[in-house]
């Protein structure tokens, strides 16, 4: 378990998992302040999530029709209505 230091008076303390902010607001990279920690099944990463939409017509090549990049903490189902509308 990764622990982050916290300041209490003149002493530095390590935060436990329950004391850390949620991953949606926790800064995970000093180089990219928008990157967030996320996991899906057995995959864990810091960064972003890419949502792809493609055609699936029988006998035709599969073509990507839409690509959306979101923060890594965005649930997959949130973009369904927006993609369908487009």
C-alpha atoms as a PDB file:
ATOM      1  CA  UNK A   1       0.000   0.000   0.000  1.00  0.00           C
ATOM      2  CA  UNK A   2       1.391   3.381  -0.987  1.00  0.00           C
ATOM      3  CA  UNK A   3       1.340   5.961   1.793  1.00  0.00           C
ATOM      4  CA  UNK A   4       1.664   9.730   1.483  1.00  0.00           C
ATOM      5  CA  UNK A   5       3.128  11.955   4.190  1.00  0.00           C
ATOM      6  CA  UNK A   6       0.935  14.345   6.158  1.00  0.00           C
ATOM      7  CA  UNK A   7       2.064  17.246   8.324  1.00  0.00           C
ATOM      8  CA  UNK A   8       1.053  17.426  11.977  1.00  0.00           C
ATOM      9  CA  UNK A   9       2.892  20.143  13.872  1.00  0.00           C
ATOM     10  CA  UNK A  10       6.623  19.608  13.331  1.00  0.00           C
ATOM     11  CA  UNK A  11       6.235  15.899  12.652  1.00  0.00           C
ATOM     12  CA  UNK A  12       5.507  14.232   9.347  1.00  0.00           C
ATOM     13  CA  UNK A  13       3.074  11.337   9.469  1.00  0.00           C
ATOM     14  CA  UNK A  14       2.177   8.783   6.821  1.00  0.00           C
ATOM     15  CA  UNK A  15      -1.469   8.799   5.805  1.00  0.00           C
ATOM     16  CA  UNK A  16      -3.303   5.496   5.886  1.00  0.00           C
ATOM     17  CA  UNK A  17      -5.477   4.444   2.949  1.00  0.00           C
ATOM     18  CA  UNK A  18      -8.608   5.793   4.642  1.00  0.00           C
ATOM     19  CA  UNK A  19      -7.016   9.197   5.235  1.00  0.00           C
ATOM     20  CA  UNK A  20      -6.109   9.838   1.597  1.00  0.00           C
ATOM     21  CA  UNK A  21      -8.357  11.952  -0.622  1.00  0.00           C
ATOM     22  CA  UNK A  22     -10.437  10.159  -3.277  1.00  0.00           C
ATOM     23  CA  UNK A  23      -8.552   9.353  -6.485  1.00  0.00           C
ATOM     24  CA  UNK A  24     -10.743  11.796  -8.440  1.00  0.00           C
ATOM     25  CA  UNK A  25      -9.081  14.735  -6.616  1.00  0.00           C
ATOM     26  CA  UNK A  26      -5.732  13.258  -5.534  1.00  0.00           C
ATOM     27  CA  UNK A  27      -2.744  14.542  -7.513  1.00  0.00           C
ATOM     28  CA  UNK A  28      -0.970  11.435  -8.789  1.00  0.00           C
ATOM     29  CA  UNK A  29       1.787  13.023 -10.907  1.00  0.00           C
ATOM     30  CA  UNK A  30       3.778  16.220 -10.341  1.00  0.00           C
ATOM     31  CA  UNK A  31       4.221  16.459 -14.129  1.00  0.00           C
ATOM     32  CA  UNK A  32       0.540  16.250 -15.105  1.00  0.00           C
ATOM     33  CA  UNK A  33      -1.842  17.664 -12.488  1.00  0.00           C
ATOM     34  CA  UNK A  34      -4.890  16.340 -14.390  1.00  0.00           C
ATOM     35  CA  UNK A  35      -3.709  12.684 -14.406  1.00  0.00           C
ATOM     36  CA  UNK A  36      -5.572  10.436 -11.959  1.00  0.00           C
ATOM     37  CA  UNK A  37      -5.148   6.923 -10.571  1.00  0.00           C
ATOM     38  CA  UNK A  38      -7.696   4.376 -11.720  1.00  0.00           C
ATOM     39  CA  UNK A  39      -8.196   0.647 -12.058  1.00  0.00           C
ATOM     40  CA  UNK A  40     -10.386  -1.610 -14.134  1.00  0.00           C
ATOM     41  CA  UNK A  41     -10.436  -5.321 -13.381  1.00  0.00           C
ATOM     42  CA  UNK A  42      -6.738  -6.302 -13.130  1.00  0.00           C
ATOM     43  CA  UNK A  43      -5.331  -3.159 -14.787  1.00  0.00           C
ATOM     44  CA  UNK A  44      -4.173  -0.165 -12.696  1.00  0.00           C
ATOM     45  CA  UNK A  45      -2.763   3.096 -14.081  1.00  0.00           C
ATOM     46  CA  UNK A  46      -2.196   6.826 -13.612  1.00  0.00           C
ATOM     47  CA  UNK A  47      -3.335   8.966 -16.506  1.00  0.00           C
ATOM     48  CA  UNK A  48      -6.458   9.141 -18.627  1.00  0.00           C
ATOM     49  CA  UNK A  49      -9.098   6.886 -20.155  1.00  0.00           C
ATOM     50  CA  UNK A  50      -9.822   6.694 -23.892  1.00  0.00           C
ATOM     51  CA  UNK A  51     -13.325   5.787 -25.071  1.00  0.00           C
ATOM     52  CA  UNK A  52     -13.566   4.477 -28.646  1.00  0.00           C
ATOM     53  CA  UNK A  53     -16.609   3.983 -30.863  1.00  0.00           C
ATOM     54  CA  UNK A  54     -16.390   1.980 -34.058  1.00  0.00           C
ATOM     55  CA  UNK A  55     -18.606   0.684 -36.825  1.00  0.00           C
ATOM     56  CA  UNK A  56     -19.393  -3.009 -36.899  1.00  0.00           C
ATOM     57  CA  UNK A  57     -21.240  -3.526 -40.177  1.00  0.00           C
ATOM     58  CA  UNK A  58     -21.047  -7.076 -41.538  1.00  0.00           C
ATOM     59  CA  UNK A  59     -18.762  -7.315 -44.552  1.00  0.00           C
ATOM     60  CA  UNK A  60     -17.366  -3.815 -44.023  1.00  0.00           C
ATOM     61  CA  UNK A  61     -14.109  -2.768 -42.365  1.00  0.00           C
ATOM     62  CA  UNK A  62     -14.354  -1.628 -38.740  1.00  0.00           C
ATOM     63  CA  UNK A  63     -13.792   2.142 -38.598  1.00  0.00           C
ATOM     64  CA  UNK A  64     -13.316   4.277 -35.505  1.00  0.00           C
ATOM     65  CA  UNK A  65     -16.011   6.913 -35.586  1.00  0.00           C
ATOM     66  CA  UNK A  66     -15.376   8.690 -32.308  1.00  0.00           C
ATOM     67  CA  UNK A  67     -12.547   8.997 -29.757  1.00  0.00           C
ATOM     68  CA  UNK A  68     -13.070  10.716 -26.406  1.00  0.00           C
ATOM     69  CA  UNK A  69     -10.352  11.195 -23.773  1.00  0.00           C
ATOM     70  CA  UNK A  70     -11.506  11.697 -20.181  1.00  0.00           C
ATOM     71  CA  UNK A  71      -9.964  11.677 -16.707  1.00  0.00           C
ATOM     72  CA  UNK A  72      -9.167   8.099 -15.650  1.00  0.00           C
ATOM     73  CA  UNK A  73     -11.855   8.226 -12.964  1.00  0.00           C
ATOM     74  CA  UNK A  74     -14.720   8.740 -15.461  1.00  0.00           C
ATOM     75  CA  UNK A  75     -16.988   5.646 -15.435  1.00  0.00           C
ATOM     76  CA  UNK A  76     -17.443   3.939 -18.808  1.00  0.00           C
ATOM     77  CA  UNK A  77     -21.239   4.239 -18.794  1.00  0.00           C
ATOM     78  CA  UNK A  78     -21.287   8.032 -18.404  1.00  0.00           C
ATOM     79  CA  UNK A  79     -20.451   8.698 -22.049  1.00  0.00           C
ATOM     80  CA  UNK A  80     -23.042   6.345 -23.567  1.00  0.00           C
ATOM     81  CA  UNK A  81     -25.789   8.971 -24.072  1.00  0.00           C
ATOM     82  CA  UNK A  82     -23.348  11.567 -25.441  1.00  0.00           C
ATOM     83  CA  UNK A  83     -21.880   9.074 -27.913  1.00  0.00           C
ATOM     84  CA  UNK A  84     -25.343   7.887 -29.020  1.00  0.00           C
ATOM     85  CA  UNK A  85     -26.446  11.501 -29.530  1.00  0.00           C
ATOM     86  CA  UNK A  86     -23.438  12.239 -31.765  1.00  0.00           C
END
